[in-house]
N, C-alpha and C. Protein backbone atom coordinates (compact mmCIF):
# COMPACT_ATOMS: atom_id res chain seq x y z
N UNK A 1 -8.12 0.45 -28.09
CA UNK A 1 -6.87 0.37 -27.34
C UNK A 1 -6.92 1.34 -26.17
N UNK A 2 -6.42 0.93 -25.04
CA UNK A 2 -6.49 1.80 -23.87
C UNK A 2 -5.16 2.47 -23.59
N UNK A 3 -4.30 2.52 -24.61
CA UNK A 3 -2.95 3.03 -24.34
C UNK A 3 -3.02 4.50 -23.89
N UNK A 4 -3.97 5.25 -24.46
CA UNK A 4 -4.07 6.65 -24.08
C UNK A 4 -4.40 6.77 -22.58
N UNK A 5 -5.37 5.97 -22.15
CA UNK A 5 -5.75 5.99 -20.73
C UNK A 5 -4.59 5.55 -19.85
N UNK A 6 -3.89 4.54 -20.32
CA UNK A 6 -2.75 4.05 -19.55
C UNK A 6 -1.72 5.17 -19.40
N UNK A 7 -1.46 5.84 -20.50
CA UNK A 7 -0.49 6.95 -20.47
C UNK A 7 -0.98 8.04 -19.52
N UNK A 8 -2.26 8.33 -19.58
CA UNK A 8 -2.83 9.36 -18.72
C UNK A 8 -2.61 9.01 -17.26
N UNK A 9 -2.95 7.75 -16.90
CA UNK A 9 -2.83 7.40 -15.49
C UNK A 9 -1.37 7.33 -15.08
N UNK A 10 -0.50 6.93 -16.03
CA UNK A 10 0.93 6.93 -15.72
C UNK A 10 1.41 8.35 -15.47
N UNK A 11 0.95 9.27 -16.29
CA UNK A 11 1.35 10.67 -16.12
C UNK A 11 0.88 11.16 -14.76
N UNK A 12 -0.35 10.78 -14.39
CA UNK A 12 -0.87 11.19 -13.09
C UNK A 12 0.01 10.63 -11.98
N UNK A 13 0.41 9.37 -12.12
CA UNK A 13 1.27 8.75 -11.13
C UNK A 13 2.61 9.47 -11.05
N UNK A 14 3.12 9.87 -12.20
CA UNK A 14 4.45 10.50 -12.22
C UNK A 14 4.44 11.80 -11.43
N UNK A 15 3.25 12.44 -11.37
CA UNK A 15 3.15 13.70 -10.63
C UNK A 15 3.11 13.49 -9.13
N UNK A 16 2.79 12.26 -8.71
CA UNK A 16 2.71 12.00 -7.29
C UNK A 16 4.10 11.80 -6.73
N UNK A 17 4.29 12.24 -5.49
CA UNK A 17 5.56 11.95 -4.86
C UNK A 17 5.27 11.11 -3.62
N UNK A 18 6.24 10.32 -3.25
CA UNK A 18 6.07 9.49 -2.07
C UNK A 18 6.06 10.36 -0.82
N UNK A 19 5.32 9.91 0.17
CA UNK A 19 5.39 10.54 1.49
C UNK A 19 6.78 10.24 2.04
N UNK A 20 7.56 11.28 2.27
CA UNK A 20 8.96 11.04 2.63
C UNK A 20 9.38 11.78 3.90
N UNK A 21 8.84 12.98 4.11
CA UNK A 21 9.25 13.70 5.32
C UNK A 21 8.62 13.05 6.53
N UNK A 22 9.19 13.32 7.69
CA UNK A 22 8.65 12.78 8.93
C UNK A 22 7.18 13.18 9.09
N UNK A 23 6.86 14.44 8.74
CA UNK A 23 5.49 14.92 8.89
C UNK A 23 4.55 14.17 7.95
N UNK A 24 5.00 13.98 6.69
CA UNK A 24 4.19 13.23 5.72
C UNK A 24 3.91 11.82 6.23
N UNK A 25 4.98 11.19 6.71
CA UNK A 25 4.86 9.80 7.15
C UNK A 25 3.92 9.69 8.34
N UNK A 26 4.04 10.61 9.28
CA UNK A 26 3.15 10.57 10.45
C UNK A 26 1.71 10.80 10.01
N UNK A 27 1.52 11.71 9.07
CA UNK A 27 0.17 12.00 8.59
C UNK A 27 -0.43 10.78 7.89
N UNK A 28 0.36 10.14 7.01
CA UNK A 28 -0.11 8.96 6.30
C UNK A 28 -0.39 7.82 7.29
N UNK A 29 0.50 7.63 8.25
CA UNK A 29 0.31 6.57 9.24
C UNK A 29 -0.98 6.81 10.03
N UNK A 30 -1.21 8.06 10.38
CA UNK A 30 -2.41 8.40 11.15
C UNK A 30 -3.67 8.10 10.33
N UNK A 31 -3.67 8.51 9.06
CA UNK A 31 -4.84 8.28 8.21
C UNK A 31 -5.07 6.79 7.99
N UNK A 32 -3.97 6.05 7.86
CA UNK A 32 -4.06 4.61 7.63
C UNK A 32 -4.62 3.93 8.88
N UNK A 33 -4.14 4.35 10.04
CA UNK A 33 -4.64 3.79 11.31
C UNK A 33 -6.15 4.01 11.40
N UNK A 34 -6.59 5.21 11.01
CA UNK A 34 -8.03 5.52 11.02
C UNK A 34 -8.79 4.62 10.06
N UNK A 35 -8.21 4.39 8.87
CA UNK A 35 -8.88 3.53 7.88
C UNK A 35 -9.04 2.11 8.42
N UNK A 36 -8.04 1.62 9.17
CA UNK A 36 -8.16 0.29 9.76
C UNK A 36 -9.18 0.30 10.89
N UNK A 37 -9.23 1.40 11.64
CA UNK A 37 -10.09 1.47 12.82
C UNK A 37 -11.55 1.69 12.44
N UNK A 38 -11.82 2.46 11.38
CA UNK A 38 -13.22 2.85 11.12
C UNK A 38 -13.92 1.91 10.15
N UNK A 39 -13.22 0.85 9.71
CA UNK A 39 -13.88 -0.14 8.86
C UNK A 39 -13.75 0.13 7.37
N UNK A 40 -13.18 1.27 6.97
CA UNK A 40 -13.11 1.54 5.53
C UNK A 40 -12.11 0.63 4.84
N UNK A 41 -10.98 0.36 5.50
CA UNK A 41 -10.02 -0.59 4.91
C UNK A 41 -10.64 -1.99 4.90
N UNK A 42 -11.39 -2.30 5.95
CA UNK A 42 -12.02 -3.62 6.06
C UNK A 42 -13.01 -3.86 4.91
N UNK A 43 -13.79 -2.85 4.57
CA UNK A 43 -14.78 -3.08 3.51
C UNK A 43 -14.09 -3.24 2.16
N UNK A 44 -12.98 -2.55 1.96
CA UNK A 44 -12.20 -2.77 0.73
C UNK A 44 -11.63 -4.18 0.70
N UNK A 45 -11.15 -4.64 1.86
CA UNK A 45 -10.58 -5.98 1.94
C UNK A 45 -11.66 -7.02 1.65
N UNK A 46 -12.82 -6.84 2.25
CA UNK A 46 -13.92 -7.79 2.02
C UNK A 46 -14.23 -7.88 0.52
N UNK A 47 -14.23 -6.74 -0.14
CA UNK A 47 -14.50 -6.73 -1.58
C UNK A 47 -13.46 -7.50 -2.37
N UNK A 48 -12.20 -7.41 -1.92
CA UNK A 48 -11.11 -8.07 -2.65
C UNK A 48 -11.10 -9.58 -2.44
N UNK A 49 -11.54 -10.03 -1.27
CA UNK A 49 -11.32 -11.45 -0.93
C UNK A 49 -12.59 -12.28 -0.97
N UNK A 50 -13.74 -11.67 -1.33
CA UNK A 50 -14.99 -12.40 -1.10
C UNK A 50 -15.07 -13.72 -1.86
N UNK A 51 -14.37 -13.86 -2.98
CA UNK A 51 -14.48 -15.13 -3.72
C UNK A 51 -13.21 -15.97 -3.63
N UNK A 52 -12.34 -15.63 -2.71
CA UNK A 52 -11.03 -16.28 -2.72
C UNK A 52 -10.90 -17.44 -1.74
N UNK A 53 -11.97 -17.76 -1.01
CA UNK A 53 -11.86 -18.88 -0.08
C UNK A 53 -11.04 -18.52 1.14
N UNK A 54 -10.39 -19.52 1.71
CA UNK A 54 -9.63 -19.32 2.95
C UNK A 54 -8.30 -18.65 2.65
N UNK A 55 -8.03 -17.56 3.34
CA UNK A 55 -6.75 -16.88 3.21
C UNK A 55 -6.10 -16.80 4.59
N UNK A 56 -4.79 -16.95 4.61
CA UNK A 56 -4.06 -16.84 5.87
C UNK A 56 -3.35 -15.50 5.94
N UNK A 57 -2.74 -15.22 7.08
CA UNK A 57 -2.19 -13.89 7.34
C UNK A 57 -1.29 -13.36 6.22
N UNK A 58 -0.33 -14.18 5.70
CA UNK A 58 0.55 -13.61 4.66
C UNK A 58 -0.22 -13.19 3.41
N UNK A 59 -1.25 -13.97 3.04
CA UNK A 59 -2.05 -13.62 1.86
C UNK A 59 -2.90 -12.39 2.15
N UNK A 60 -3.46 -12.34 3.35
CA UNK A 60 -4.25 -11.18 3.72
C UNK A 60 -3.38 -9.93 3.75
N UNK A 61 -2.16 -10.10 4.25
CA UNK A 61 -1.24 -8.97 4.31
C UNK A 61 -0.96 -8.42 2.91
N UNK A 62 -0.80 -9.33 1.95
CA UNK A 62 -0.57 -8.89 0.57
C UNK A 62 -1.76 -8.09 0.05
N UNK A 63 -2.98 -8.56 0.36
CA UNK A 63 -4.17 -7.81 -0.06
C UNK A 63 -4.22 -6.44 0.63
N UNK A 64 -3.86 -6.43 1.91
CA UNK A 64 -3.89 -5.18 2.67
C UNK A 64 -2.87 -4.19 2.12
N UNK A 65 -1.72 -4.71 1.68
CA UNK A 65 -0.73 -3.80 1.08
C UNK A 65 -1.28 -3.20 -0.20
N UNK A 66 -2.03 -3.99 -0.96
CA UNK A 66 -2.69 -3.46 -2.15
C UNK A 66 -3.65 -2.33 -1.81
N UNK A 67 -4.41 -2.53 -0.73
CA UNK A 67 -5.36 -1.50 -0.29
C UNK A 67 -4.61 -0.25 0.15
N UNK A 68 -3.49 -0.45 0.86
CA UNK A 68 -2.70 0.70 1.30
C UNK A 68 -2.23 1.51 0.09
N UNK A 69 -1.76 0.80 -0.94
CA UNK A 69 -1.30 1.51 -2.15
C UNK A 69 -2.45 2.31 -2.77
N UNK A 70 -3.64 1.70 -2.83
CA UNK A 70 -4.82 2.41 -3.36
C UNK A 70 -5.07 3.69 -2.57
N UNK A 71 -5.05 3.56 -1.26
CA UNK A 71 -5.34 4.72 -0.41
C UNK A 71 -4.28 5.80 -0.59
N UNK A 72 -3.00 5.41 -0.63
CA UNK A 72 -1.94 6.40 -0.82
C UNK A 72 -2.18 7.20 -2.09
N UNK A 73 -2.49 6.49 -3.18
CA UNK A 73 -2.71 7.16 -4.46
C UNK A 73 -3.90 8.12 -4.34
N UNK A 74 -4.97 7.67 -3.66
CA UNK A 74 -6.14 8.54 -3.50
C UNK A 74 -5.80 9.77 -2.67
N UNK A 75 -4.86 9.63 -1.74
CA UNK A 75 -4.46 10.76 -0.91
C UNK A 75 -3.41 11.62 -1.59
N UNK A 76 -3.01 11.23 -2.81
CA UNK A 76 -2.08 12.06 -3.57
C UNK A 76 -0.62 11.71 -3.40
N UNK A 77 -0.34 10.50 -2.91
CA UNK A 77 1.06 10.07 -2.77
C UNK A 77 1.39 8.95 -3.75
N UNK A 78 2.64 8.89 -4.15
CA UNK A 78 3.10 7.78 -4.99
C UNK A 78 3.10 6.52 -4.11
N UNK A 79 2.35 5.47 -4.54
CA UNK A 79 2.06 4.37 -3.61
C UNK A 79 3.26 3.54 -3.19
N UNK A 80 4.11 3.11 -4.13
CA UNK A 80 5.15 2.16 -3.77
C UNK A 80 6.20 2.78 -2.87
N UNK A 81 6.64 3.98 -3.23
CA UNK A 81 7.64 4.66 -2.41
C UNK A 81 7.10 4.97 -1.03
N UNK A 82 5.81 5.32 -0.97
CA UNK A 82 5.21 5.65 0.31
C UNK A 82 5.17 4.43 1.22
N UNK A 83 4.77 3.28 0.64
CA UNK A 83 4.73 2.04 1.42
C UNK A 83 6.12 1.70 1.96
N UNK A 84 7.11 1.84 1.07
CA UNK A 84 8.49 1.55 1.46
C UNK A 84 8.95 2.49 2.58
N UNK A 85 8.65 3.78 2.41
CA UNK A 85 9.07 4.75 3.42
C UNK A 85 8.40 4.49 4.76
N UNK A 86 7.15 4.02 4.69
CA UNK A 86 6.42 3.71 5.92
C UNK A 86 7.08 2.52 6.62
N UNK A 87 7.49 1.51 5.81
CA UNK A 87 8.11 0.33 6.40
C UNK A 87 9.48 0.64 6.99
N UNK A 88 10.13 1.68 6.47
CA UNK A 88 11.48 2.03 6.96
C UNK A 88 11.45 3.22 7.91
N UNK A 89 10.26 3.69 8.21
CA UNK A 89 10.14 4.96 8.94
C UNK A 89 10.87 4.94 10.28
N UNK A 90 10.70 3.84 11.01
CA UNK A 90 11.24 3.82 12.37
C UNK A 90 12.77 3.91 12.36
N UNK A 91 13.36 3.27 11.33
CA UNK A 91 14.82 3.34 11.25
C UNK A 91 15.28 4.75 10.88
N UNK A 92 14.56 5.37 9.93
CA UNK A 92 15.00 6.69 9.46
C UNK A 92 14.57 7.81 10.40
N UNK A 93 13.39 7.64 11.00
CA UNK A 93 12.83 8.68 11.89
C UNK A 93 12.38 8.00 13.17
N UNK A 94 13.31 7.74 14.09
CA UNK A 94 12.96 6.97 15.30
C UNK A 94 11.77 7.56 16.06
N UNK A 95 11.58 8.88 15.95
CA UNK A 95 10.50 9.49 16.72
C UNK A 95 9.11 9.14 16.15
N UNK A 96 9.07 8.51 14.98
CA UNK A 96 7.76 8.09 14.45
C UNK A 96 7.32 6.75 15.05
N UNK A 97 8.17 6.13 15.85
CA UNK A 97 7.88 4.78 16.35
C UNK A 97 6.48 4.63 16.97
N UNK A 98 6.07 5.53 17.90
CA UNK A 98 4.75 5.31 18.52
C UNK A 98 3.63 5.29 17.48
N UNK A 99 3.72 6.17 16.51
CA UNK A 99 2.71 6.25 15.45
C UNK A 99 2.71 4.97 14.61
N UNK A 100 3.88 4.46 14.27
CA UNK A 100 3.99 3.27 13.43
C UNK A 100 3.54 2.02 14.20
N UNK A 101 3.89 1.97 15.49
CA UNK A 101 3.47 0.83 16.31
C UNK A 101 1.94 0.80 16.37
N UNK A 102 1.35 1.97 16.54
CA UNK A 102 -0.11 2.08 16.59
C UNK A 102 -0.73 1.59 15.27
N UNK A 103 -0.11 2.00 14.17
CA UNK A 103 -0.58 1.58 12.84
C UNK A 103 -0.50 0.06 12.70
N UNK A 104 0.63 -0.52 13.11
CA UNK A 104 0.80 -1.97 12.97
C UNK A 104 -0.21 -2.72 13.81
N UNK A 105 -0.48 -2.20 15.01
CA UNK A 105 -1.47 -2.86 15.86
C UNK A 105 -2.85 -2.83 15.20
N UNK A 106 -3.18 -1.69 14.60
CA UNK A 106 -4.49 -1.57 13.94
C UNK A 106 -4.57 -2.50 12.74
N UNK A 107 -3.49 -2.55 11.96
CA UNK A 107 -3.44 -3.41 10.78
C UNK A 107 -3.54 -4.87 11.19
N UNK A 108 -2.77 -5.23 12.21
CA UNK A 108 -2.74 -6.62 12.65
C UNK A 108 -4.09 -7.02 13.24
N UNK A 109 -4.71 -6.09 13.98
CA UNK A 109 -6.01 -6.37 14.56
C UNK A 109 -7.03 -6.71 13.48
N UNK A 110 -7.01 -5.93 12.39
CA UNK A 110 -7.96 -6.18 11.30
C UNK A 110 -7.65 -7.51 10.62
N UNK A 111 -6.38 -7.76 10.34
CA UNK A 111 -6.00 -9.00 9.64
C UNK A 111 -6.37 -10.21 10.49
N UNK A 112 -6.10 -10.14 11.79
CA UNK A 112 -6.43 -11.27 12.66
C UNK A 112 -7.94 -11.50 12.72
N UNK A 113 -8.70 -10.40 12.77
CA UNK A 113 -10.16 -10.52 12.83
C UNK A 113 -10.69 -11.17 11.55
N UNK A 114 -10.19 -10.72 10.40
CA UNK A 114 -10.64 -11.26 9.11
C UNK A 114 -10.26 -12.73 9.01
N UNK A 115 -9.02 -13.05 9.41
CA UNK A 115 -8.56 -14.43 9.33
C UNK A 115 -9.43 -15.34 10.21
N UNK A 116 -9.76 -14.86 11.39
CA UNK A 116 -10.59 -15.66 12.31
C UNK A 116 -11.98 -15.89 11.72
N UNK A 117 -12.55 -14.85 11.09
CA UNK A 117 -13.87 -15.01 10.49
C UNK A 117 -13.83 -15.97 9.31
N UNK A 118 -12.78 -15.85 8.48
CA UNK A 118 -12.64 -16.77 7.35
C UNK A 118 -12.51 -18.20 7.86
N UNK A 119 -11.71 -18.37 8.90
CA UNK A 119 -11.48 -19.71 9.44
C UNK A 119 -12.80 -20.31 9.91
N UNK A 120 -13.61 -19.49 10.59
CA UNK A 120 -14.90 -19.96 11.07
C UNK A 120 -15.79 -20.36 9.89
N UNK A 121 -15.80 -19.49 8.88
CA UNK A 121 -16.65 -19.73 7.71
C UNK A 121 -16.22 -20.99 6.95
N UNK A 122 -14.93 -21.28 6.95
CA UNK A 122 -14.41 -22.40 6.16
C UNK A 122 -14.08 -23.62 7.02
N UNK A 123 -14.41 -23.54 8.31
CA UNK A 123 -14.16 -24.66 9.20
C UNK A 123 -12.69 -25.00 9.35
N UNK A 124 -11.84 -23.98 9.36
CA UNK A 124 -10.40 -24.19 9.47
C UNK A 124 -9.96 -23.91 10.91
N UNK A 125 -9.14 -24.82 11.46
CA UNK A 125 -8.58 -24.58 12.79
C UNK A 125 -7.35 -23.69 12.65
N UNK A 126 -7.35 -22.54 13.30
CA UNK A 126 -6.16 -21.69 13.27
C UNK A 126 -5.28 -22.03 14.46
N UNK A 127 -3.97 -22.14 14.24
CA UNK A 127 -3.08 -22.38 15.37
C UNK A 127 -3.11 -21.18 16.32
N UNK A 128 -3.00 -21.43 17.59
CA UNK A 128 -2.90 -20.33 18.54
C UNK A 128 -1.48 -19.79 18.49
N UNK A 129 -1.35 -18.55 18.02
CA UNK A 129 -0.01 -18.00 17.87
C UNK A 129 0.31 -17.00 18.97
N UNK A 130 -0.59 -16.88 19.93
CA UNK A 130 -0.36 -15.83 20.91
C UNK A 130 -0.58 -14.47 20.28
N UNK A 131 0.31 -13.56 20.50
CA UNK A 131 0.08 -12.17 20.10
C UNK A 131 0.44 -11.97 18.64
N UNK A 132 -0.57 -11.94 17.79
CA UNK A 132 -0.29 -11.66 16.38
C UNK A 132 0.31 -12.87 15.71
N UNK A 133 0.04 -13.07 14.44
CA UNK A 133 0.59 -14.26 13.80
C UNK A 133 1.43 -13.90 12.60
N UNK A 134 1.84 -12.64 12.49
CA UNK A 134 2.91 -12.36 11.53
C UNK A 134 3.78 -11.30 12.17
N UNK A 135 4.75 -11.73 12.94
CA UNK A 135 5.50 -10.80 13.76
C UNK A 135 6.06 -9.66 12.94
N UNK A 136 5.95 -8.46 13.47
CA UNK A 136 6.57 -7.32 12.81
C UNK A 136 7.93 -7.09 13.44
N UNK A 137 8.82 -6.56 12.67
CA UNK A 137 10.00 -6.01 13.30
C UNK A 137 10.03 -4.55 12.94
N UNK A 138 10.15 -3.70 13.93
CA UNK A 138 10.13 -2.27 13.65
C UNK A 138 11.53 -1.73 13.54
N UNK A 139 12.49 -2.60 13.25
CA UNK A 139 13.86 -2.15 13.12
C UNK A 139 14.17 -1.74 11.70
N UNK A 140 13.19 -1.72 10.84
CA UNK A 140 13.42 -1.30 9.46
C UNK A 140 13.63 -2.47 8.53
N UNK A 141 13.30 -3.68 8.96
CA UNK A 141 13.48 -4.83 8.07
C UNK A 141 12.16 -5.32 7.52
N UNK A 142 11.16 -4.44 7.47
CA UNK A 142 9.88 -4.84 6.90
C UNK A 142 9.21 -5.87 7.78
N UNK A 143 8.47 -6.76 7.19
CA UNK A 143 7.70 -7.73 7.93
C UNK A 143 8.43 -9.05 8.00
N UNK A 144 8.19 -9.78 9.09
CA UNK A 144 8.64 -11.15 9.08
C UNK A 144 7.40 -12.00 9.28
N UNK A 145 7.29 -13.07 8.54
CA UNK A 145 6.09 -13.89 8.62
C UNK A 145 6.33 -15.15 9.43
N UNK A 146 7.27 -15.08 10.36
CA UNK A 146 7.64 -16.28 11.08
C UNK A 146 6.72 -16.58 12.26
N UNK A 147 5.82 -15.65 12.57
CA UNK A 147 4.94 -15.90 13.70
C UNK A 147 5.63 -15.78 15.03
N UNK A 148 6.54 -14.82 15.18
CA UNK A 148 7.23 -14.69 16.45
C UNK A 148 6.74 -13.46 17.20
N UNK A 149 5.50 -13.09 17.00
CA UNK A 149 4.99 -11.95 17.73
C UNK A 149 5.70 -10.67 17.33
N UNK A 150 5.76 -9.73 18.25
CA UNK A 150 6.32 -8.41 17.91
C UNK A 150 7.75 -8.31 18.38
N UNK A 151 8.54 -7.55 17.66
CA UNK A 151 9.74 -7.03 18.30
C UNK A 151 9.71 -5.55 18.03
N UNK A 152 9.47 -4.78 19.05
CA UNK A 152 9.45 -3.32 18.86
C UNK A 152 10.79 -2.74 19.27
N UNK A 153 11.84 -3.55 19.21
CA UNK A 153 13.12 -3.05 19.74
C UNK A 153 14.10 -2.83 18.64
């Protein structure tokens, strides 16, 4: 039975706190942007999706959120609260906007690149969506998957 291990990892999780202060959030966003830029998030994503066939942006985004949670935990933050705080950062801390916009661009760049490669590998025609194919809203409403590009307002 692995209940002891489960309890252990739960206890470890309980000790973690979400990144909540403006400084924490900026630091996490910066590290995440780096992970998207330097290929480390990409190699984790490749590992997760290699047998899954064709995935589109919303499915890739779900995998990427899983990777973000992994990274938060490795960096010593409680993953779910940290992800939530990051998604709401601009509303709560307007001055984090440039950092969050940079993060979203890096995340979107990776997702679009992976989606394009998958499409090529699977012979799928991707619709031309213009700028990004899962529009973000940085007003604190999380993601919208409607394909309406960005609203940074």
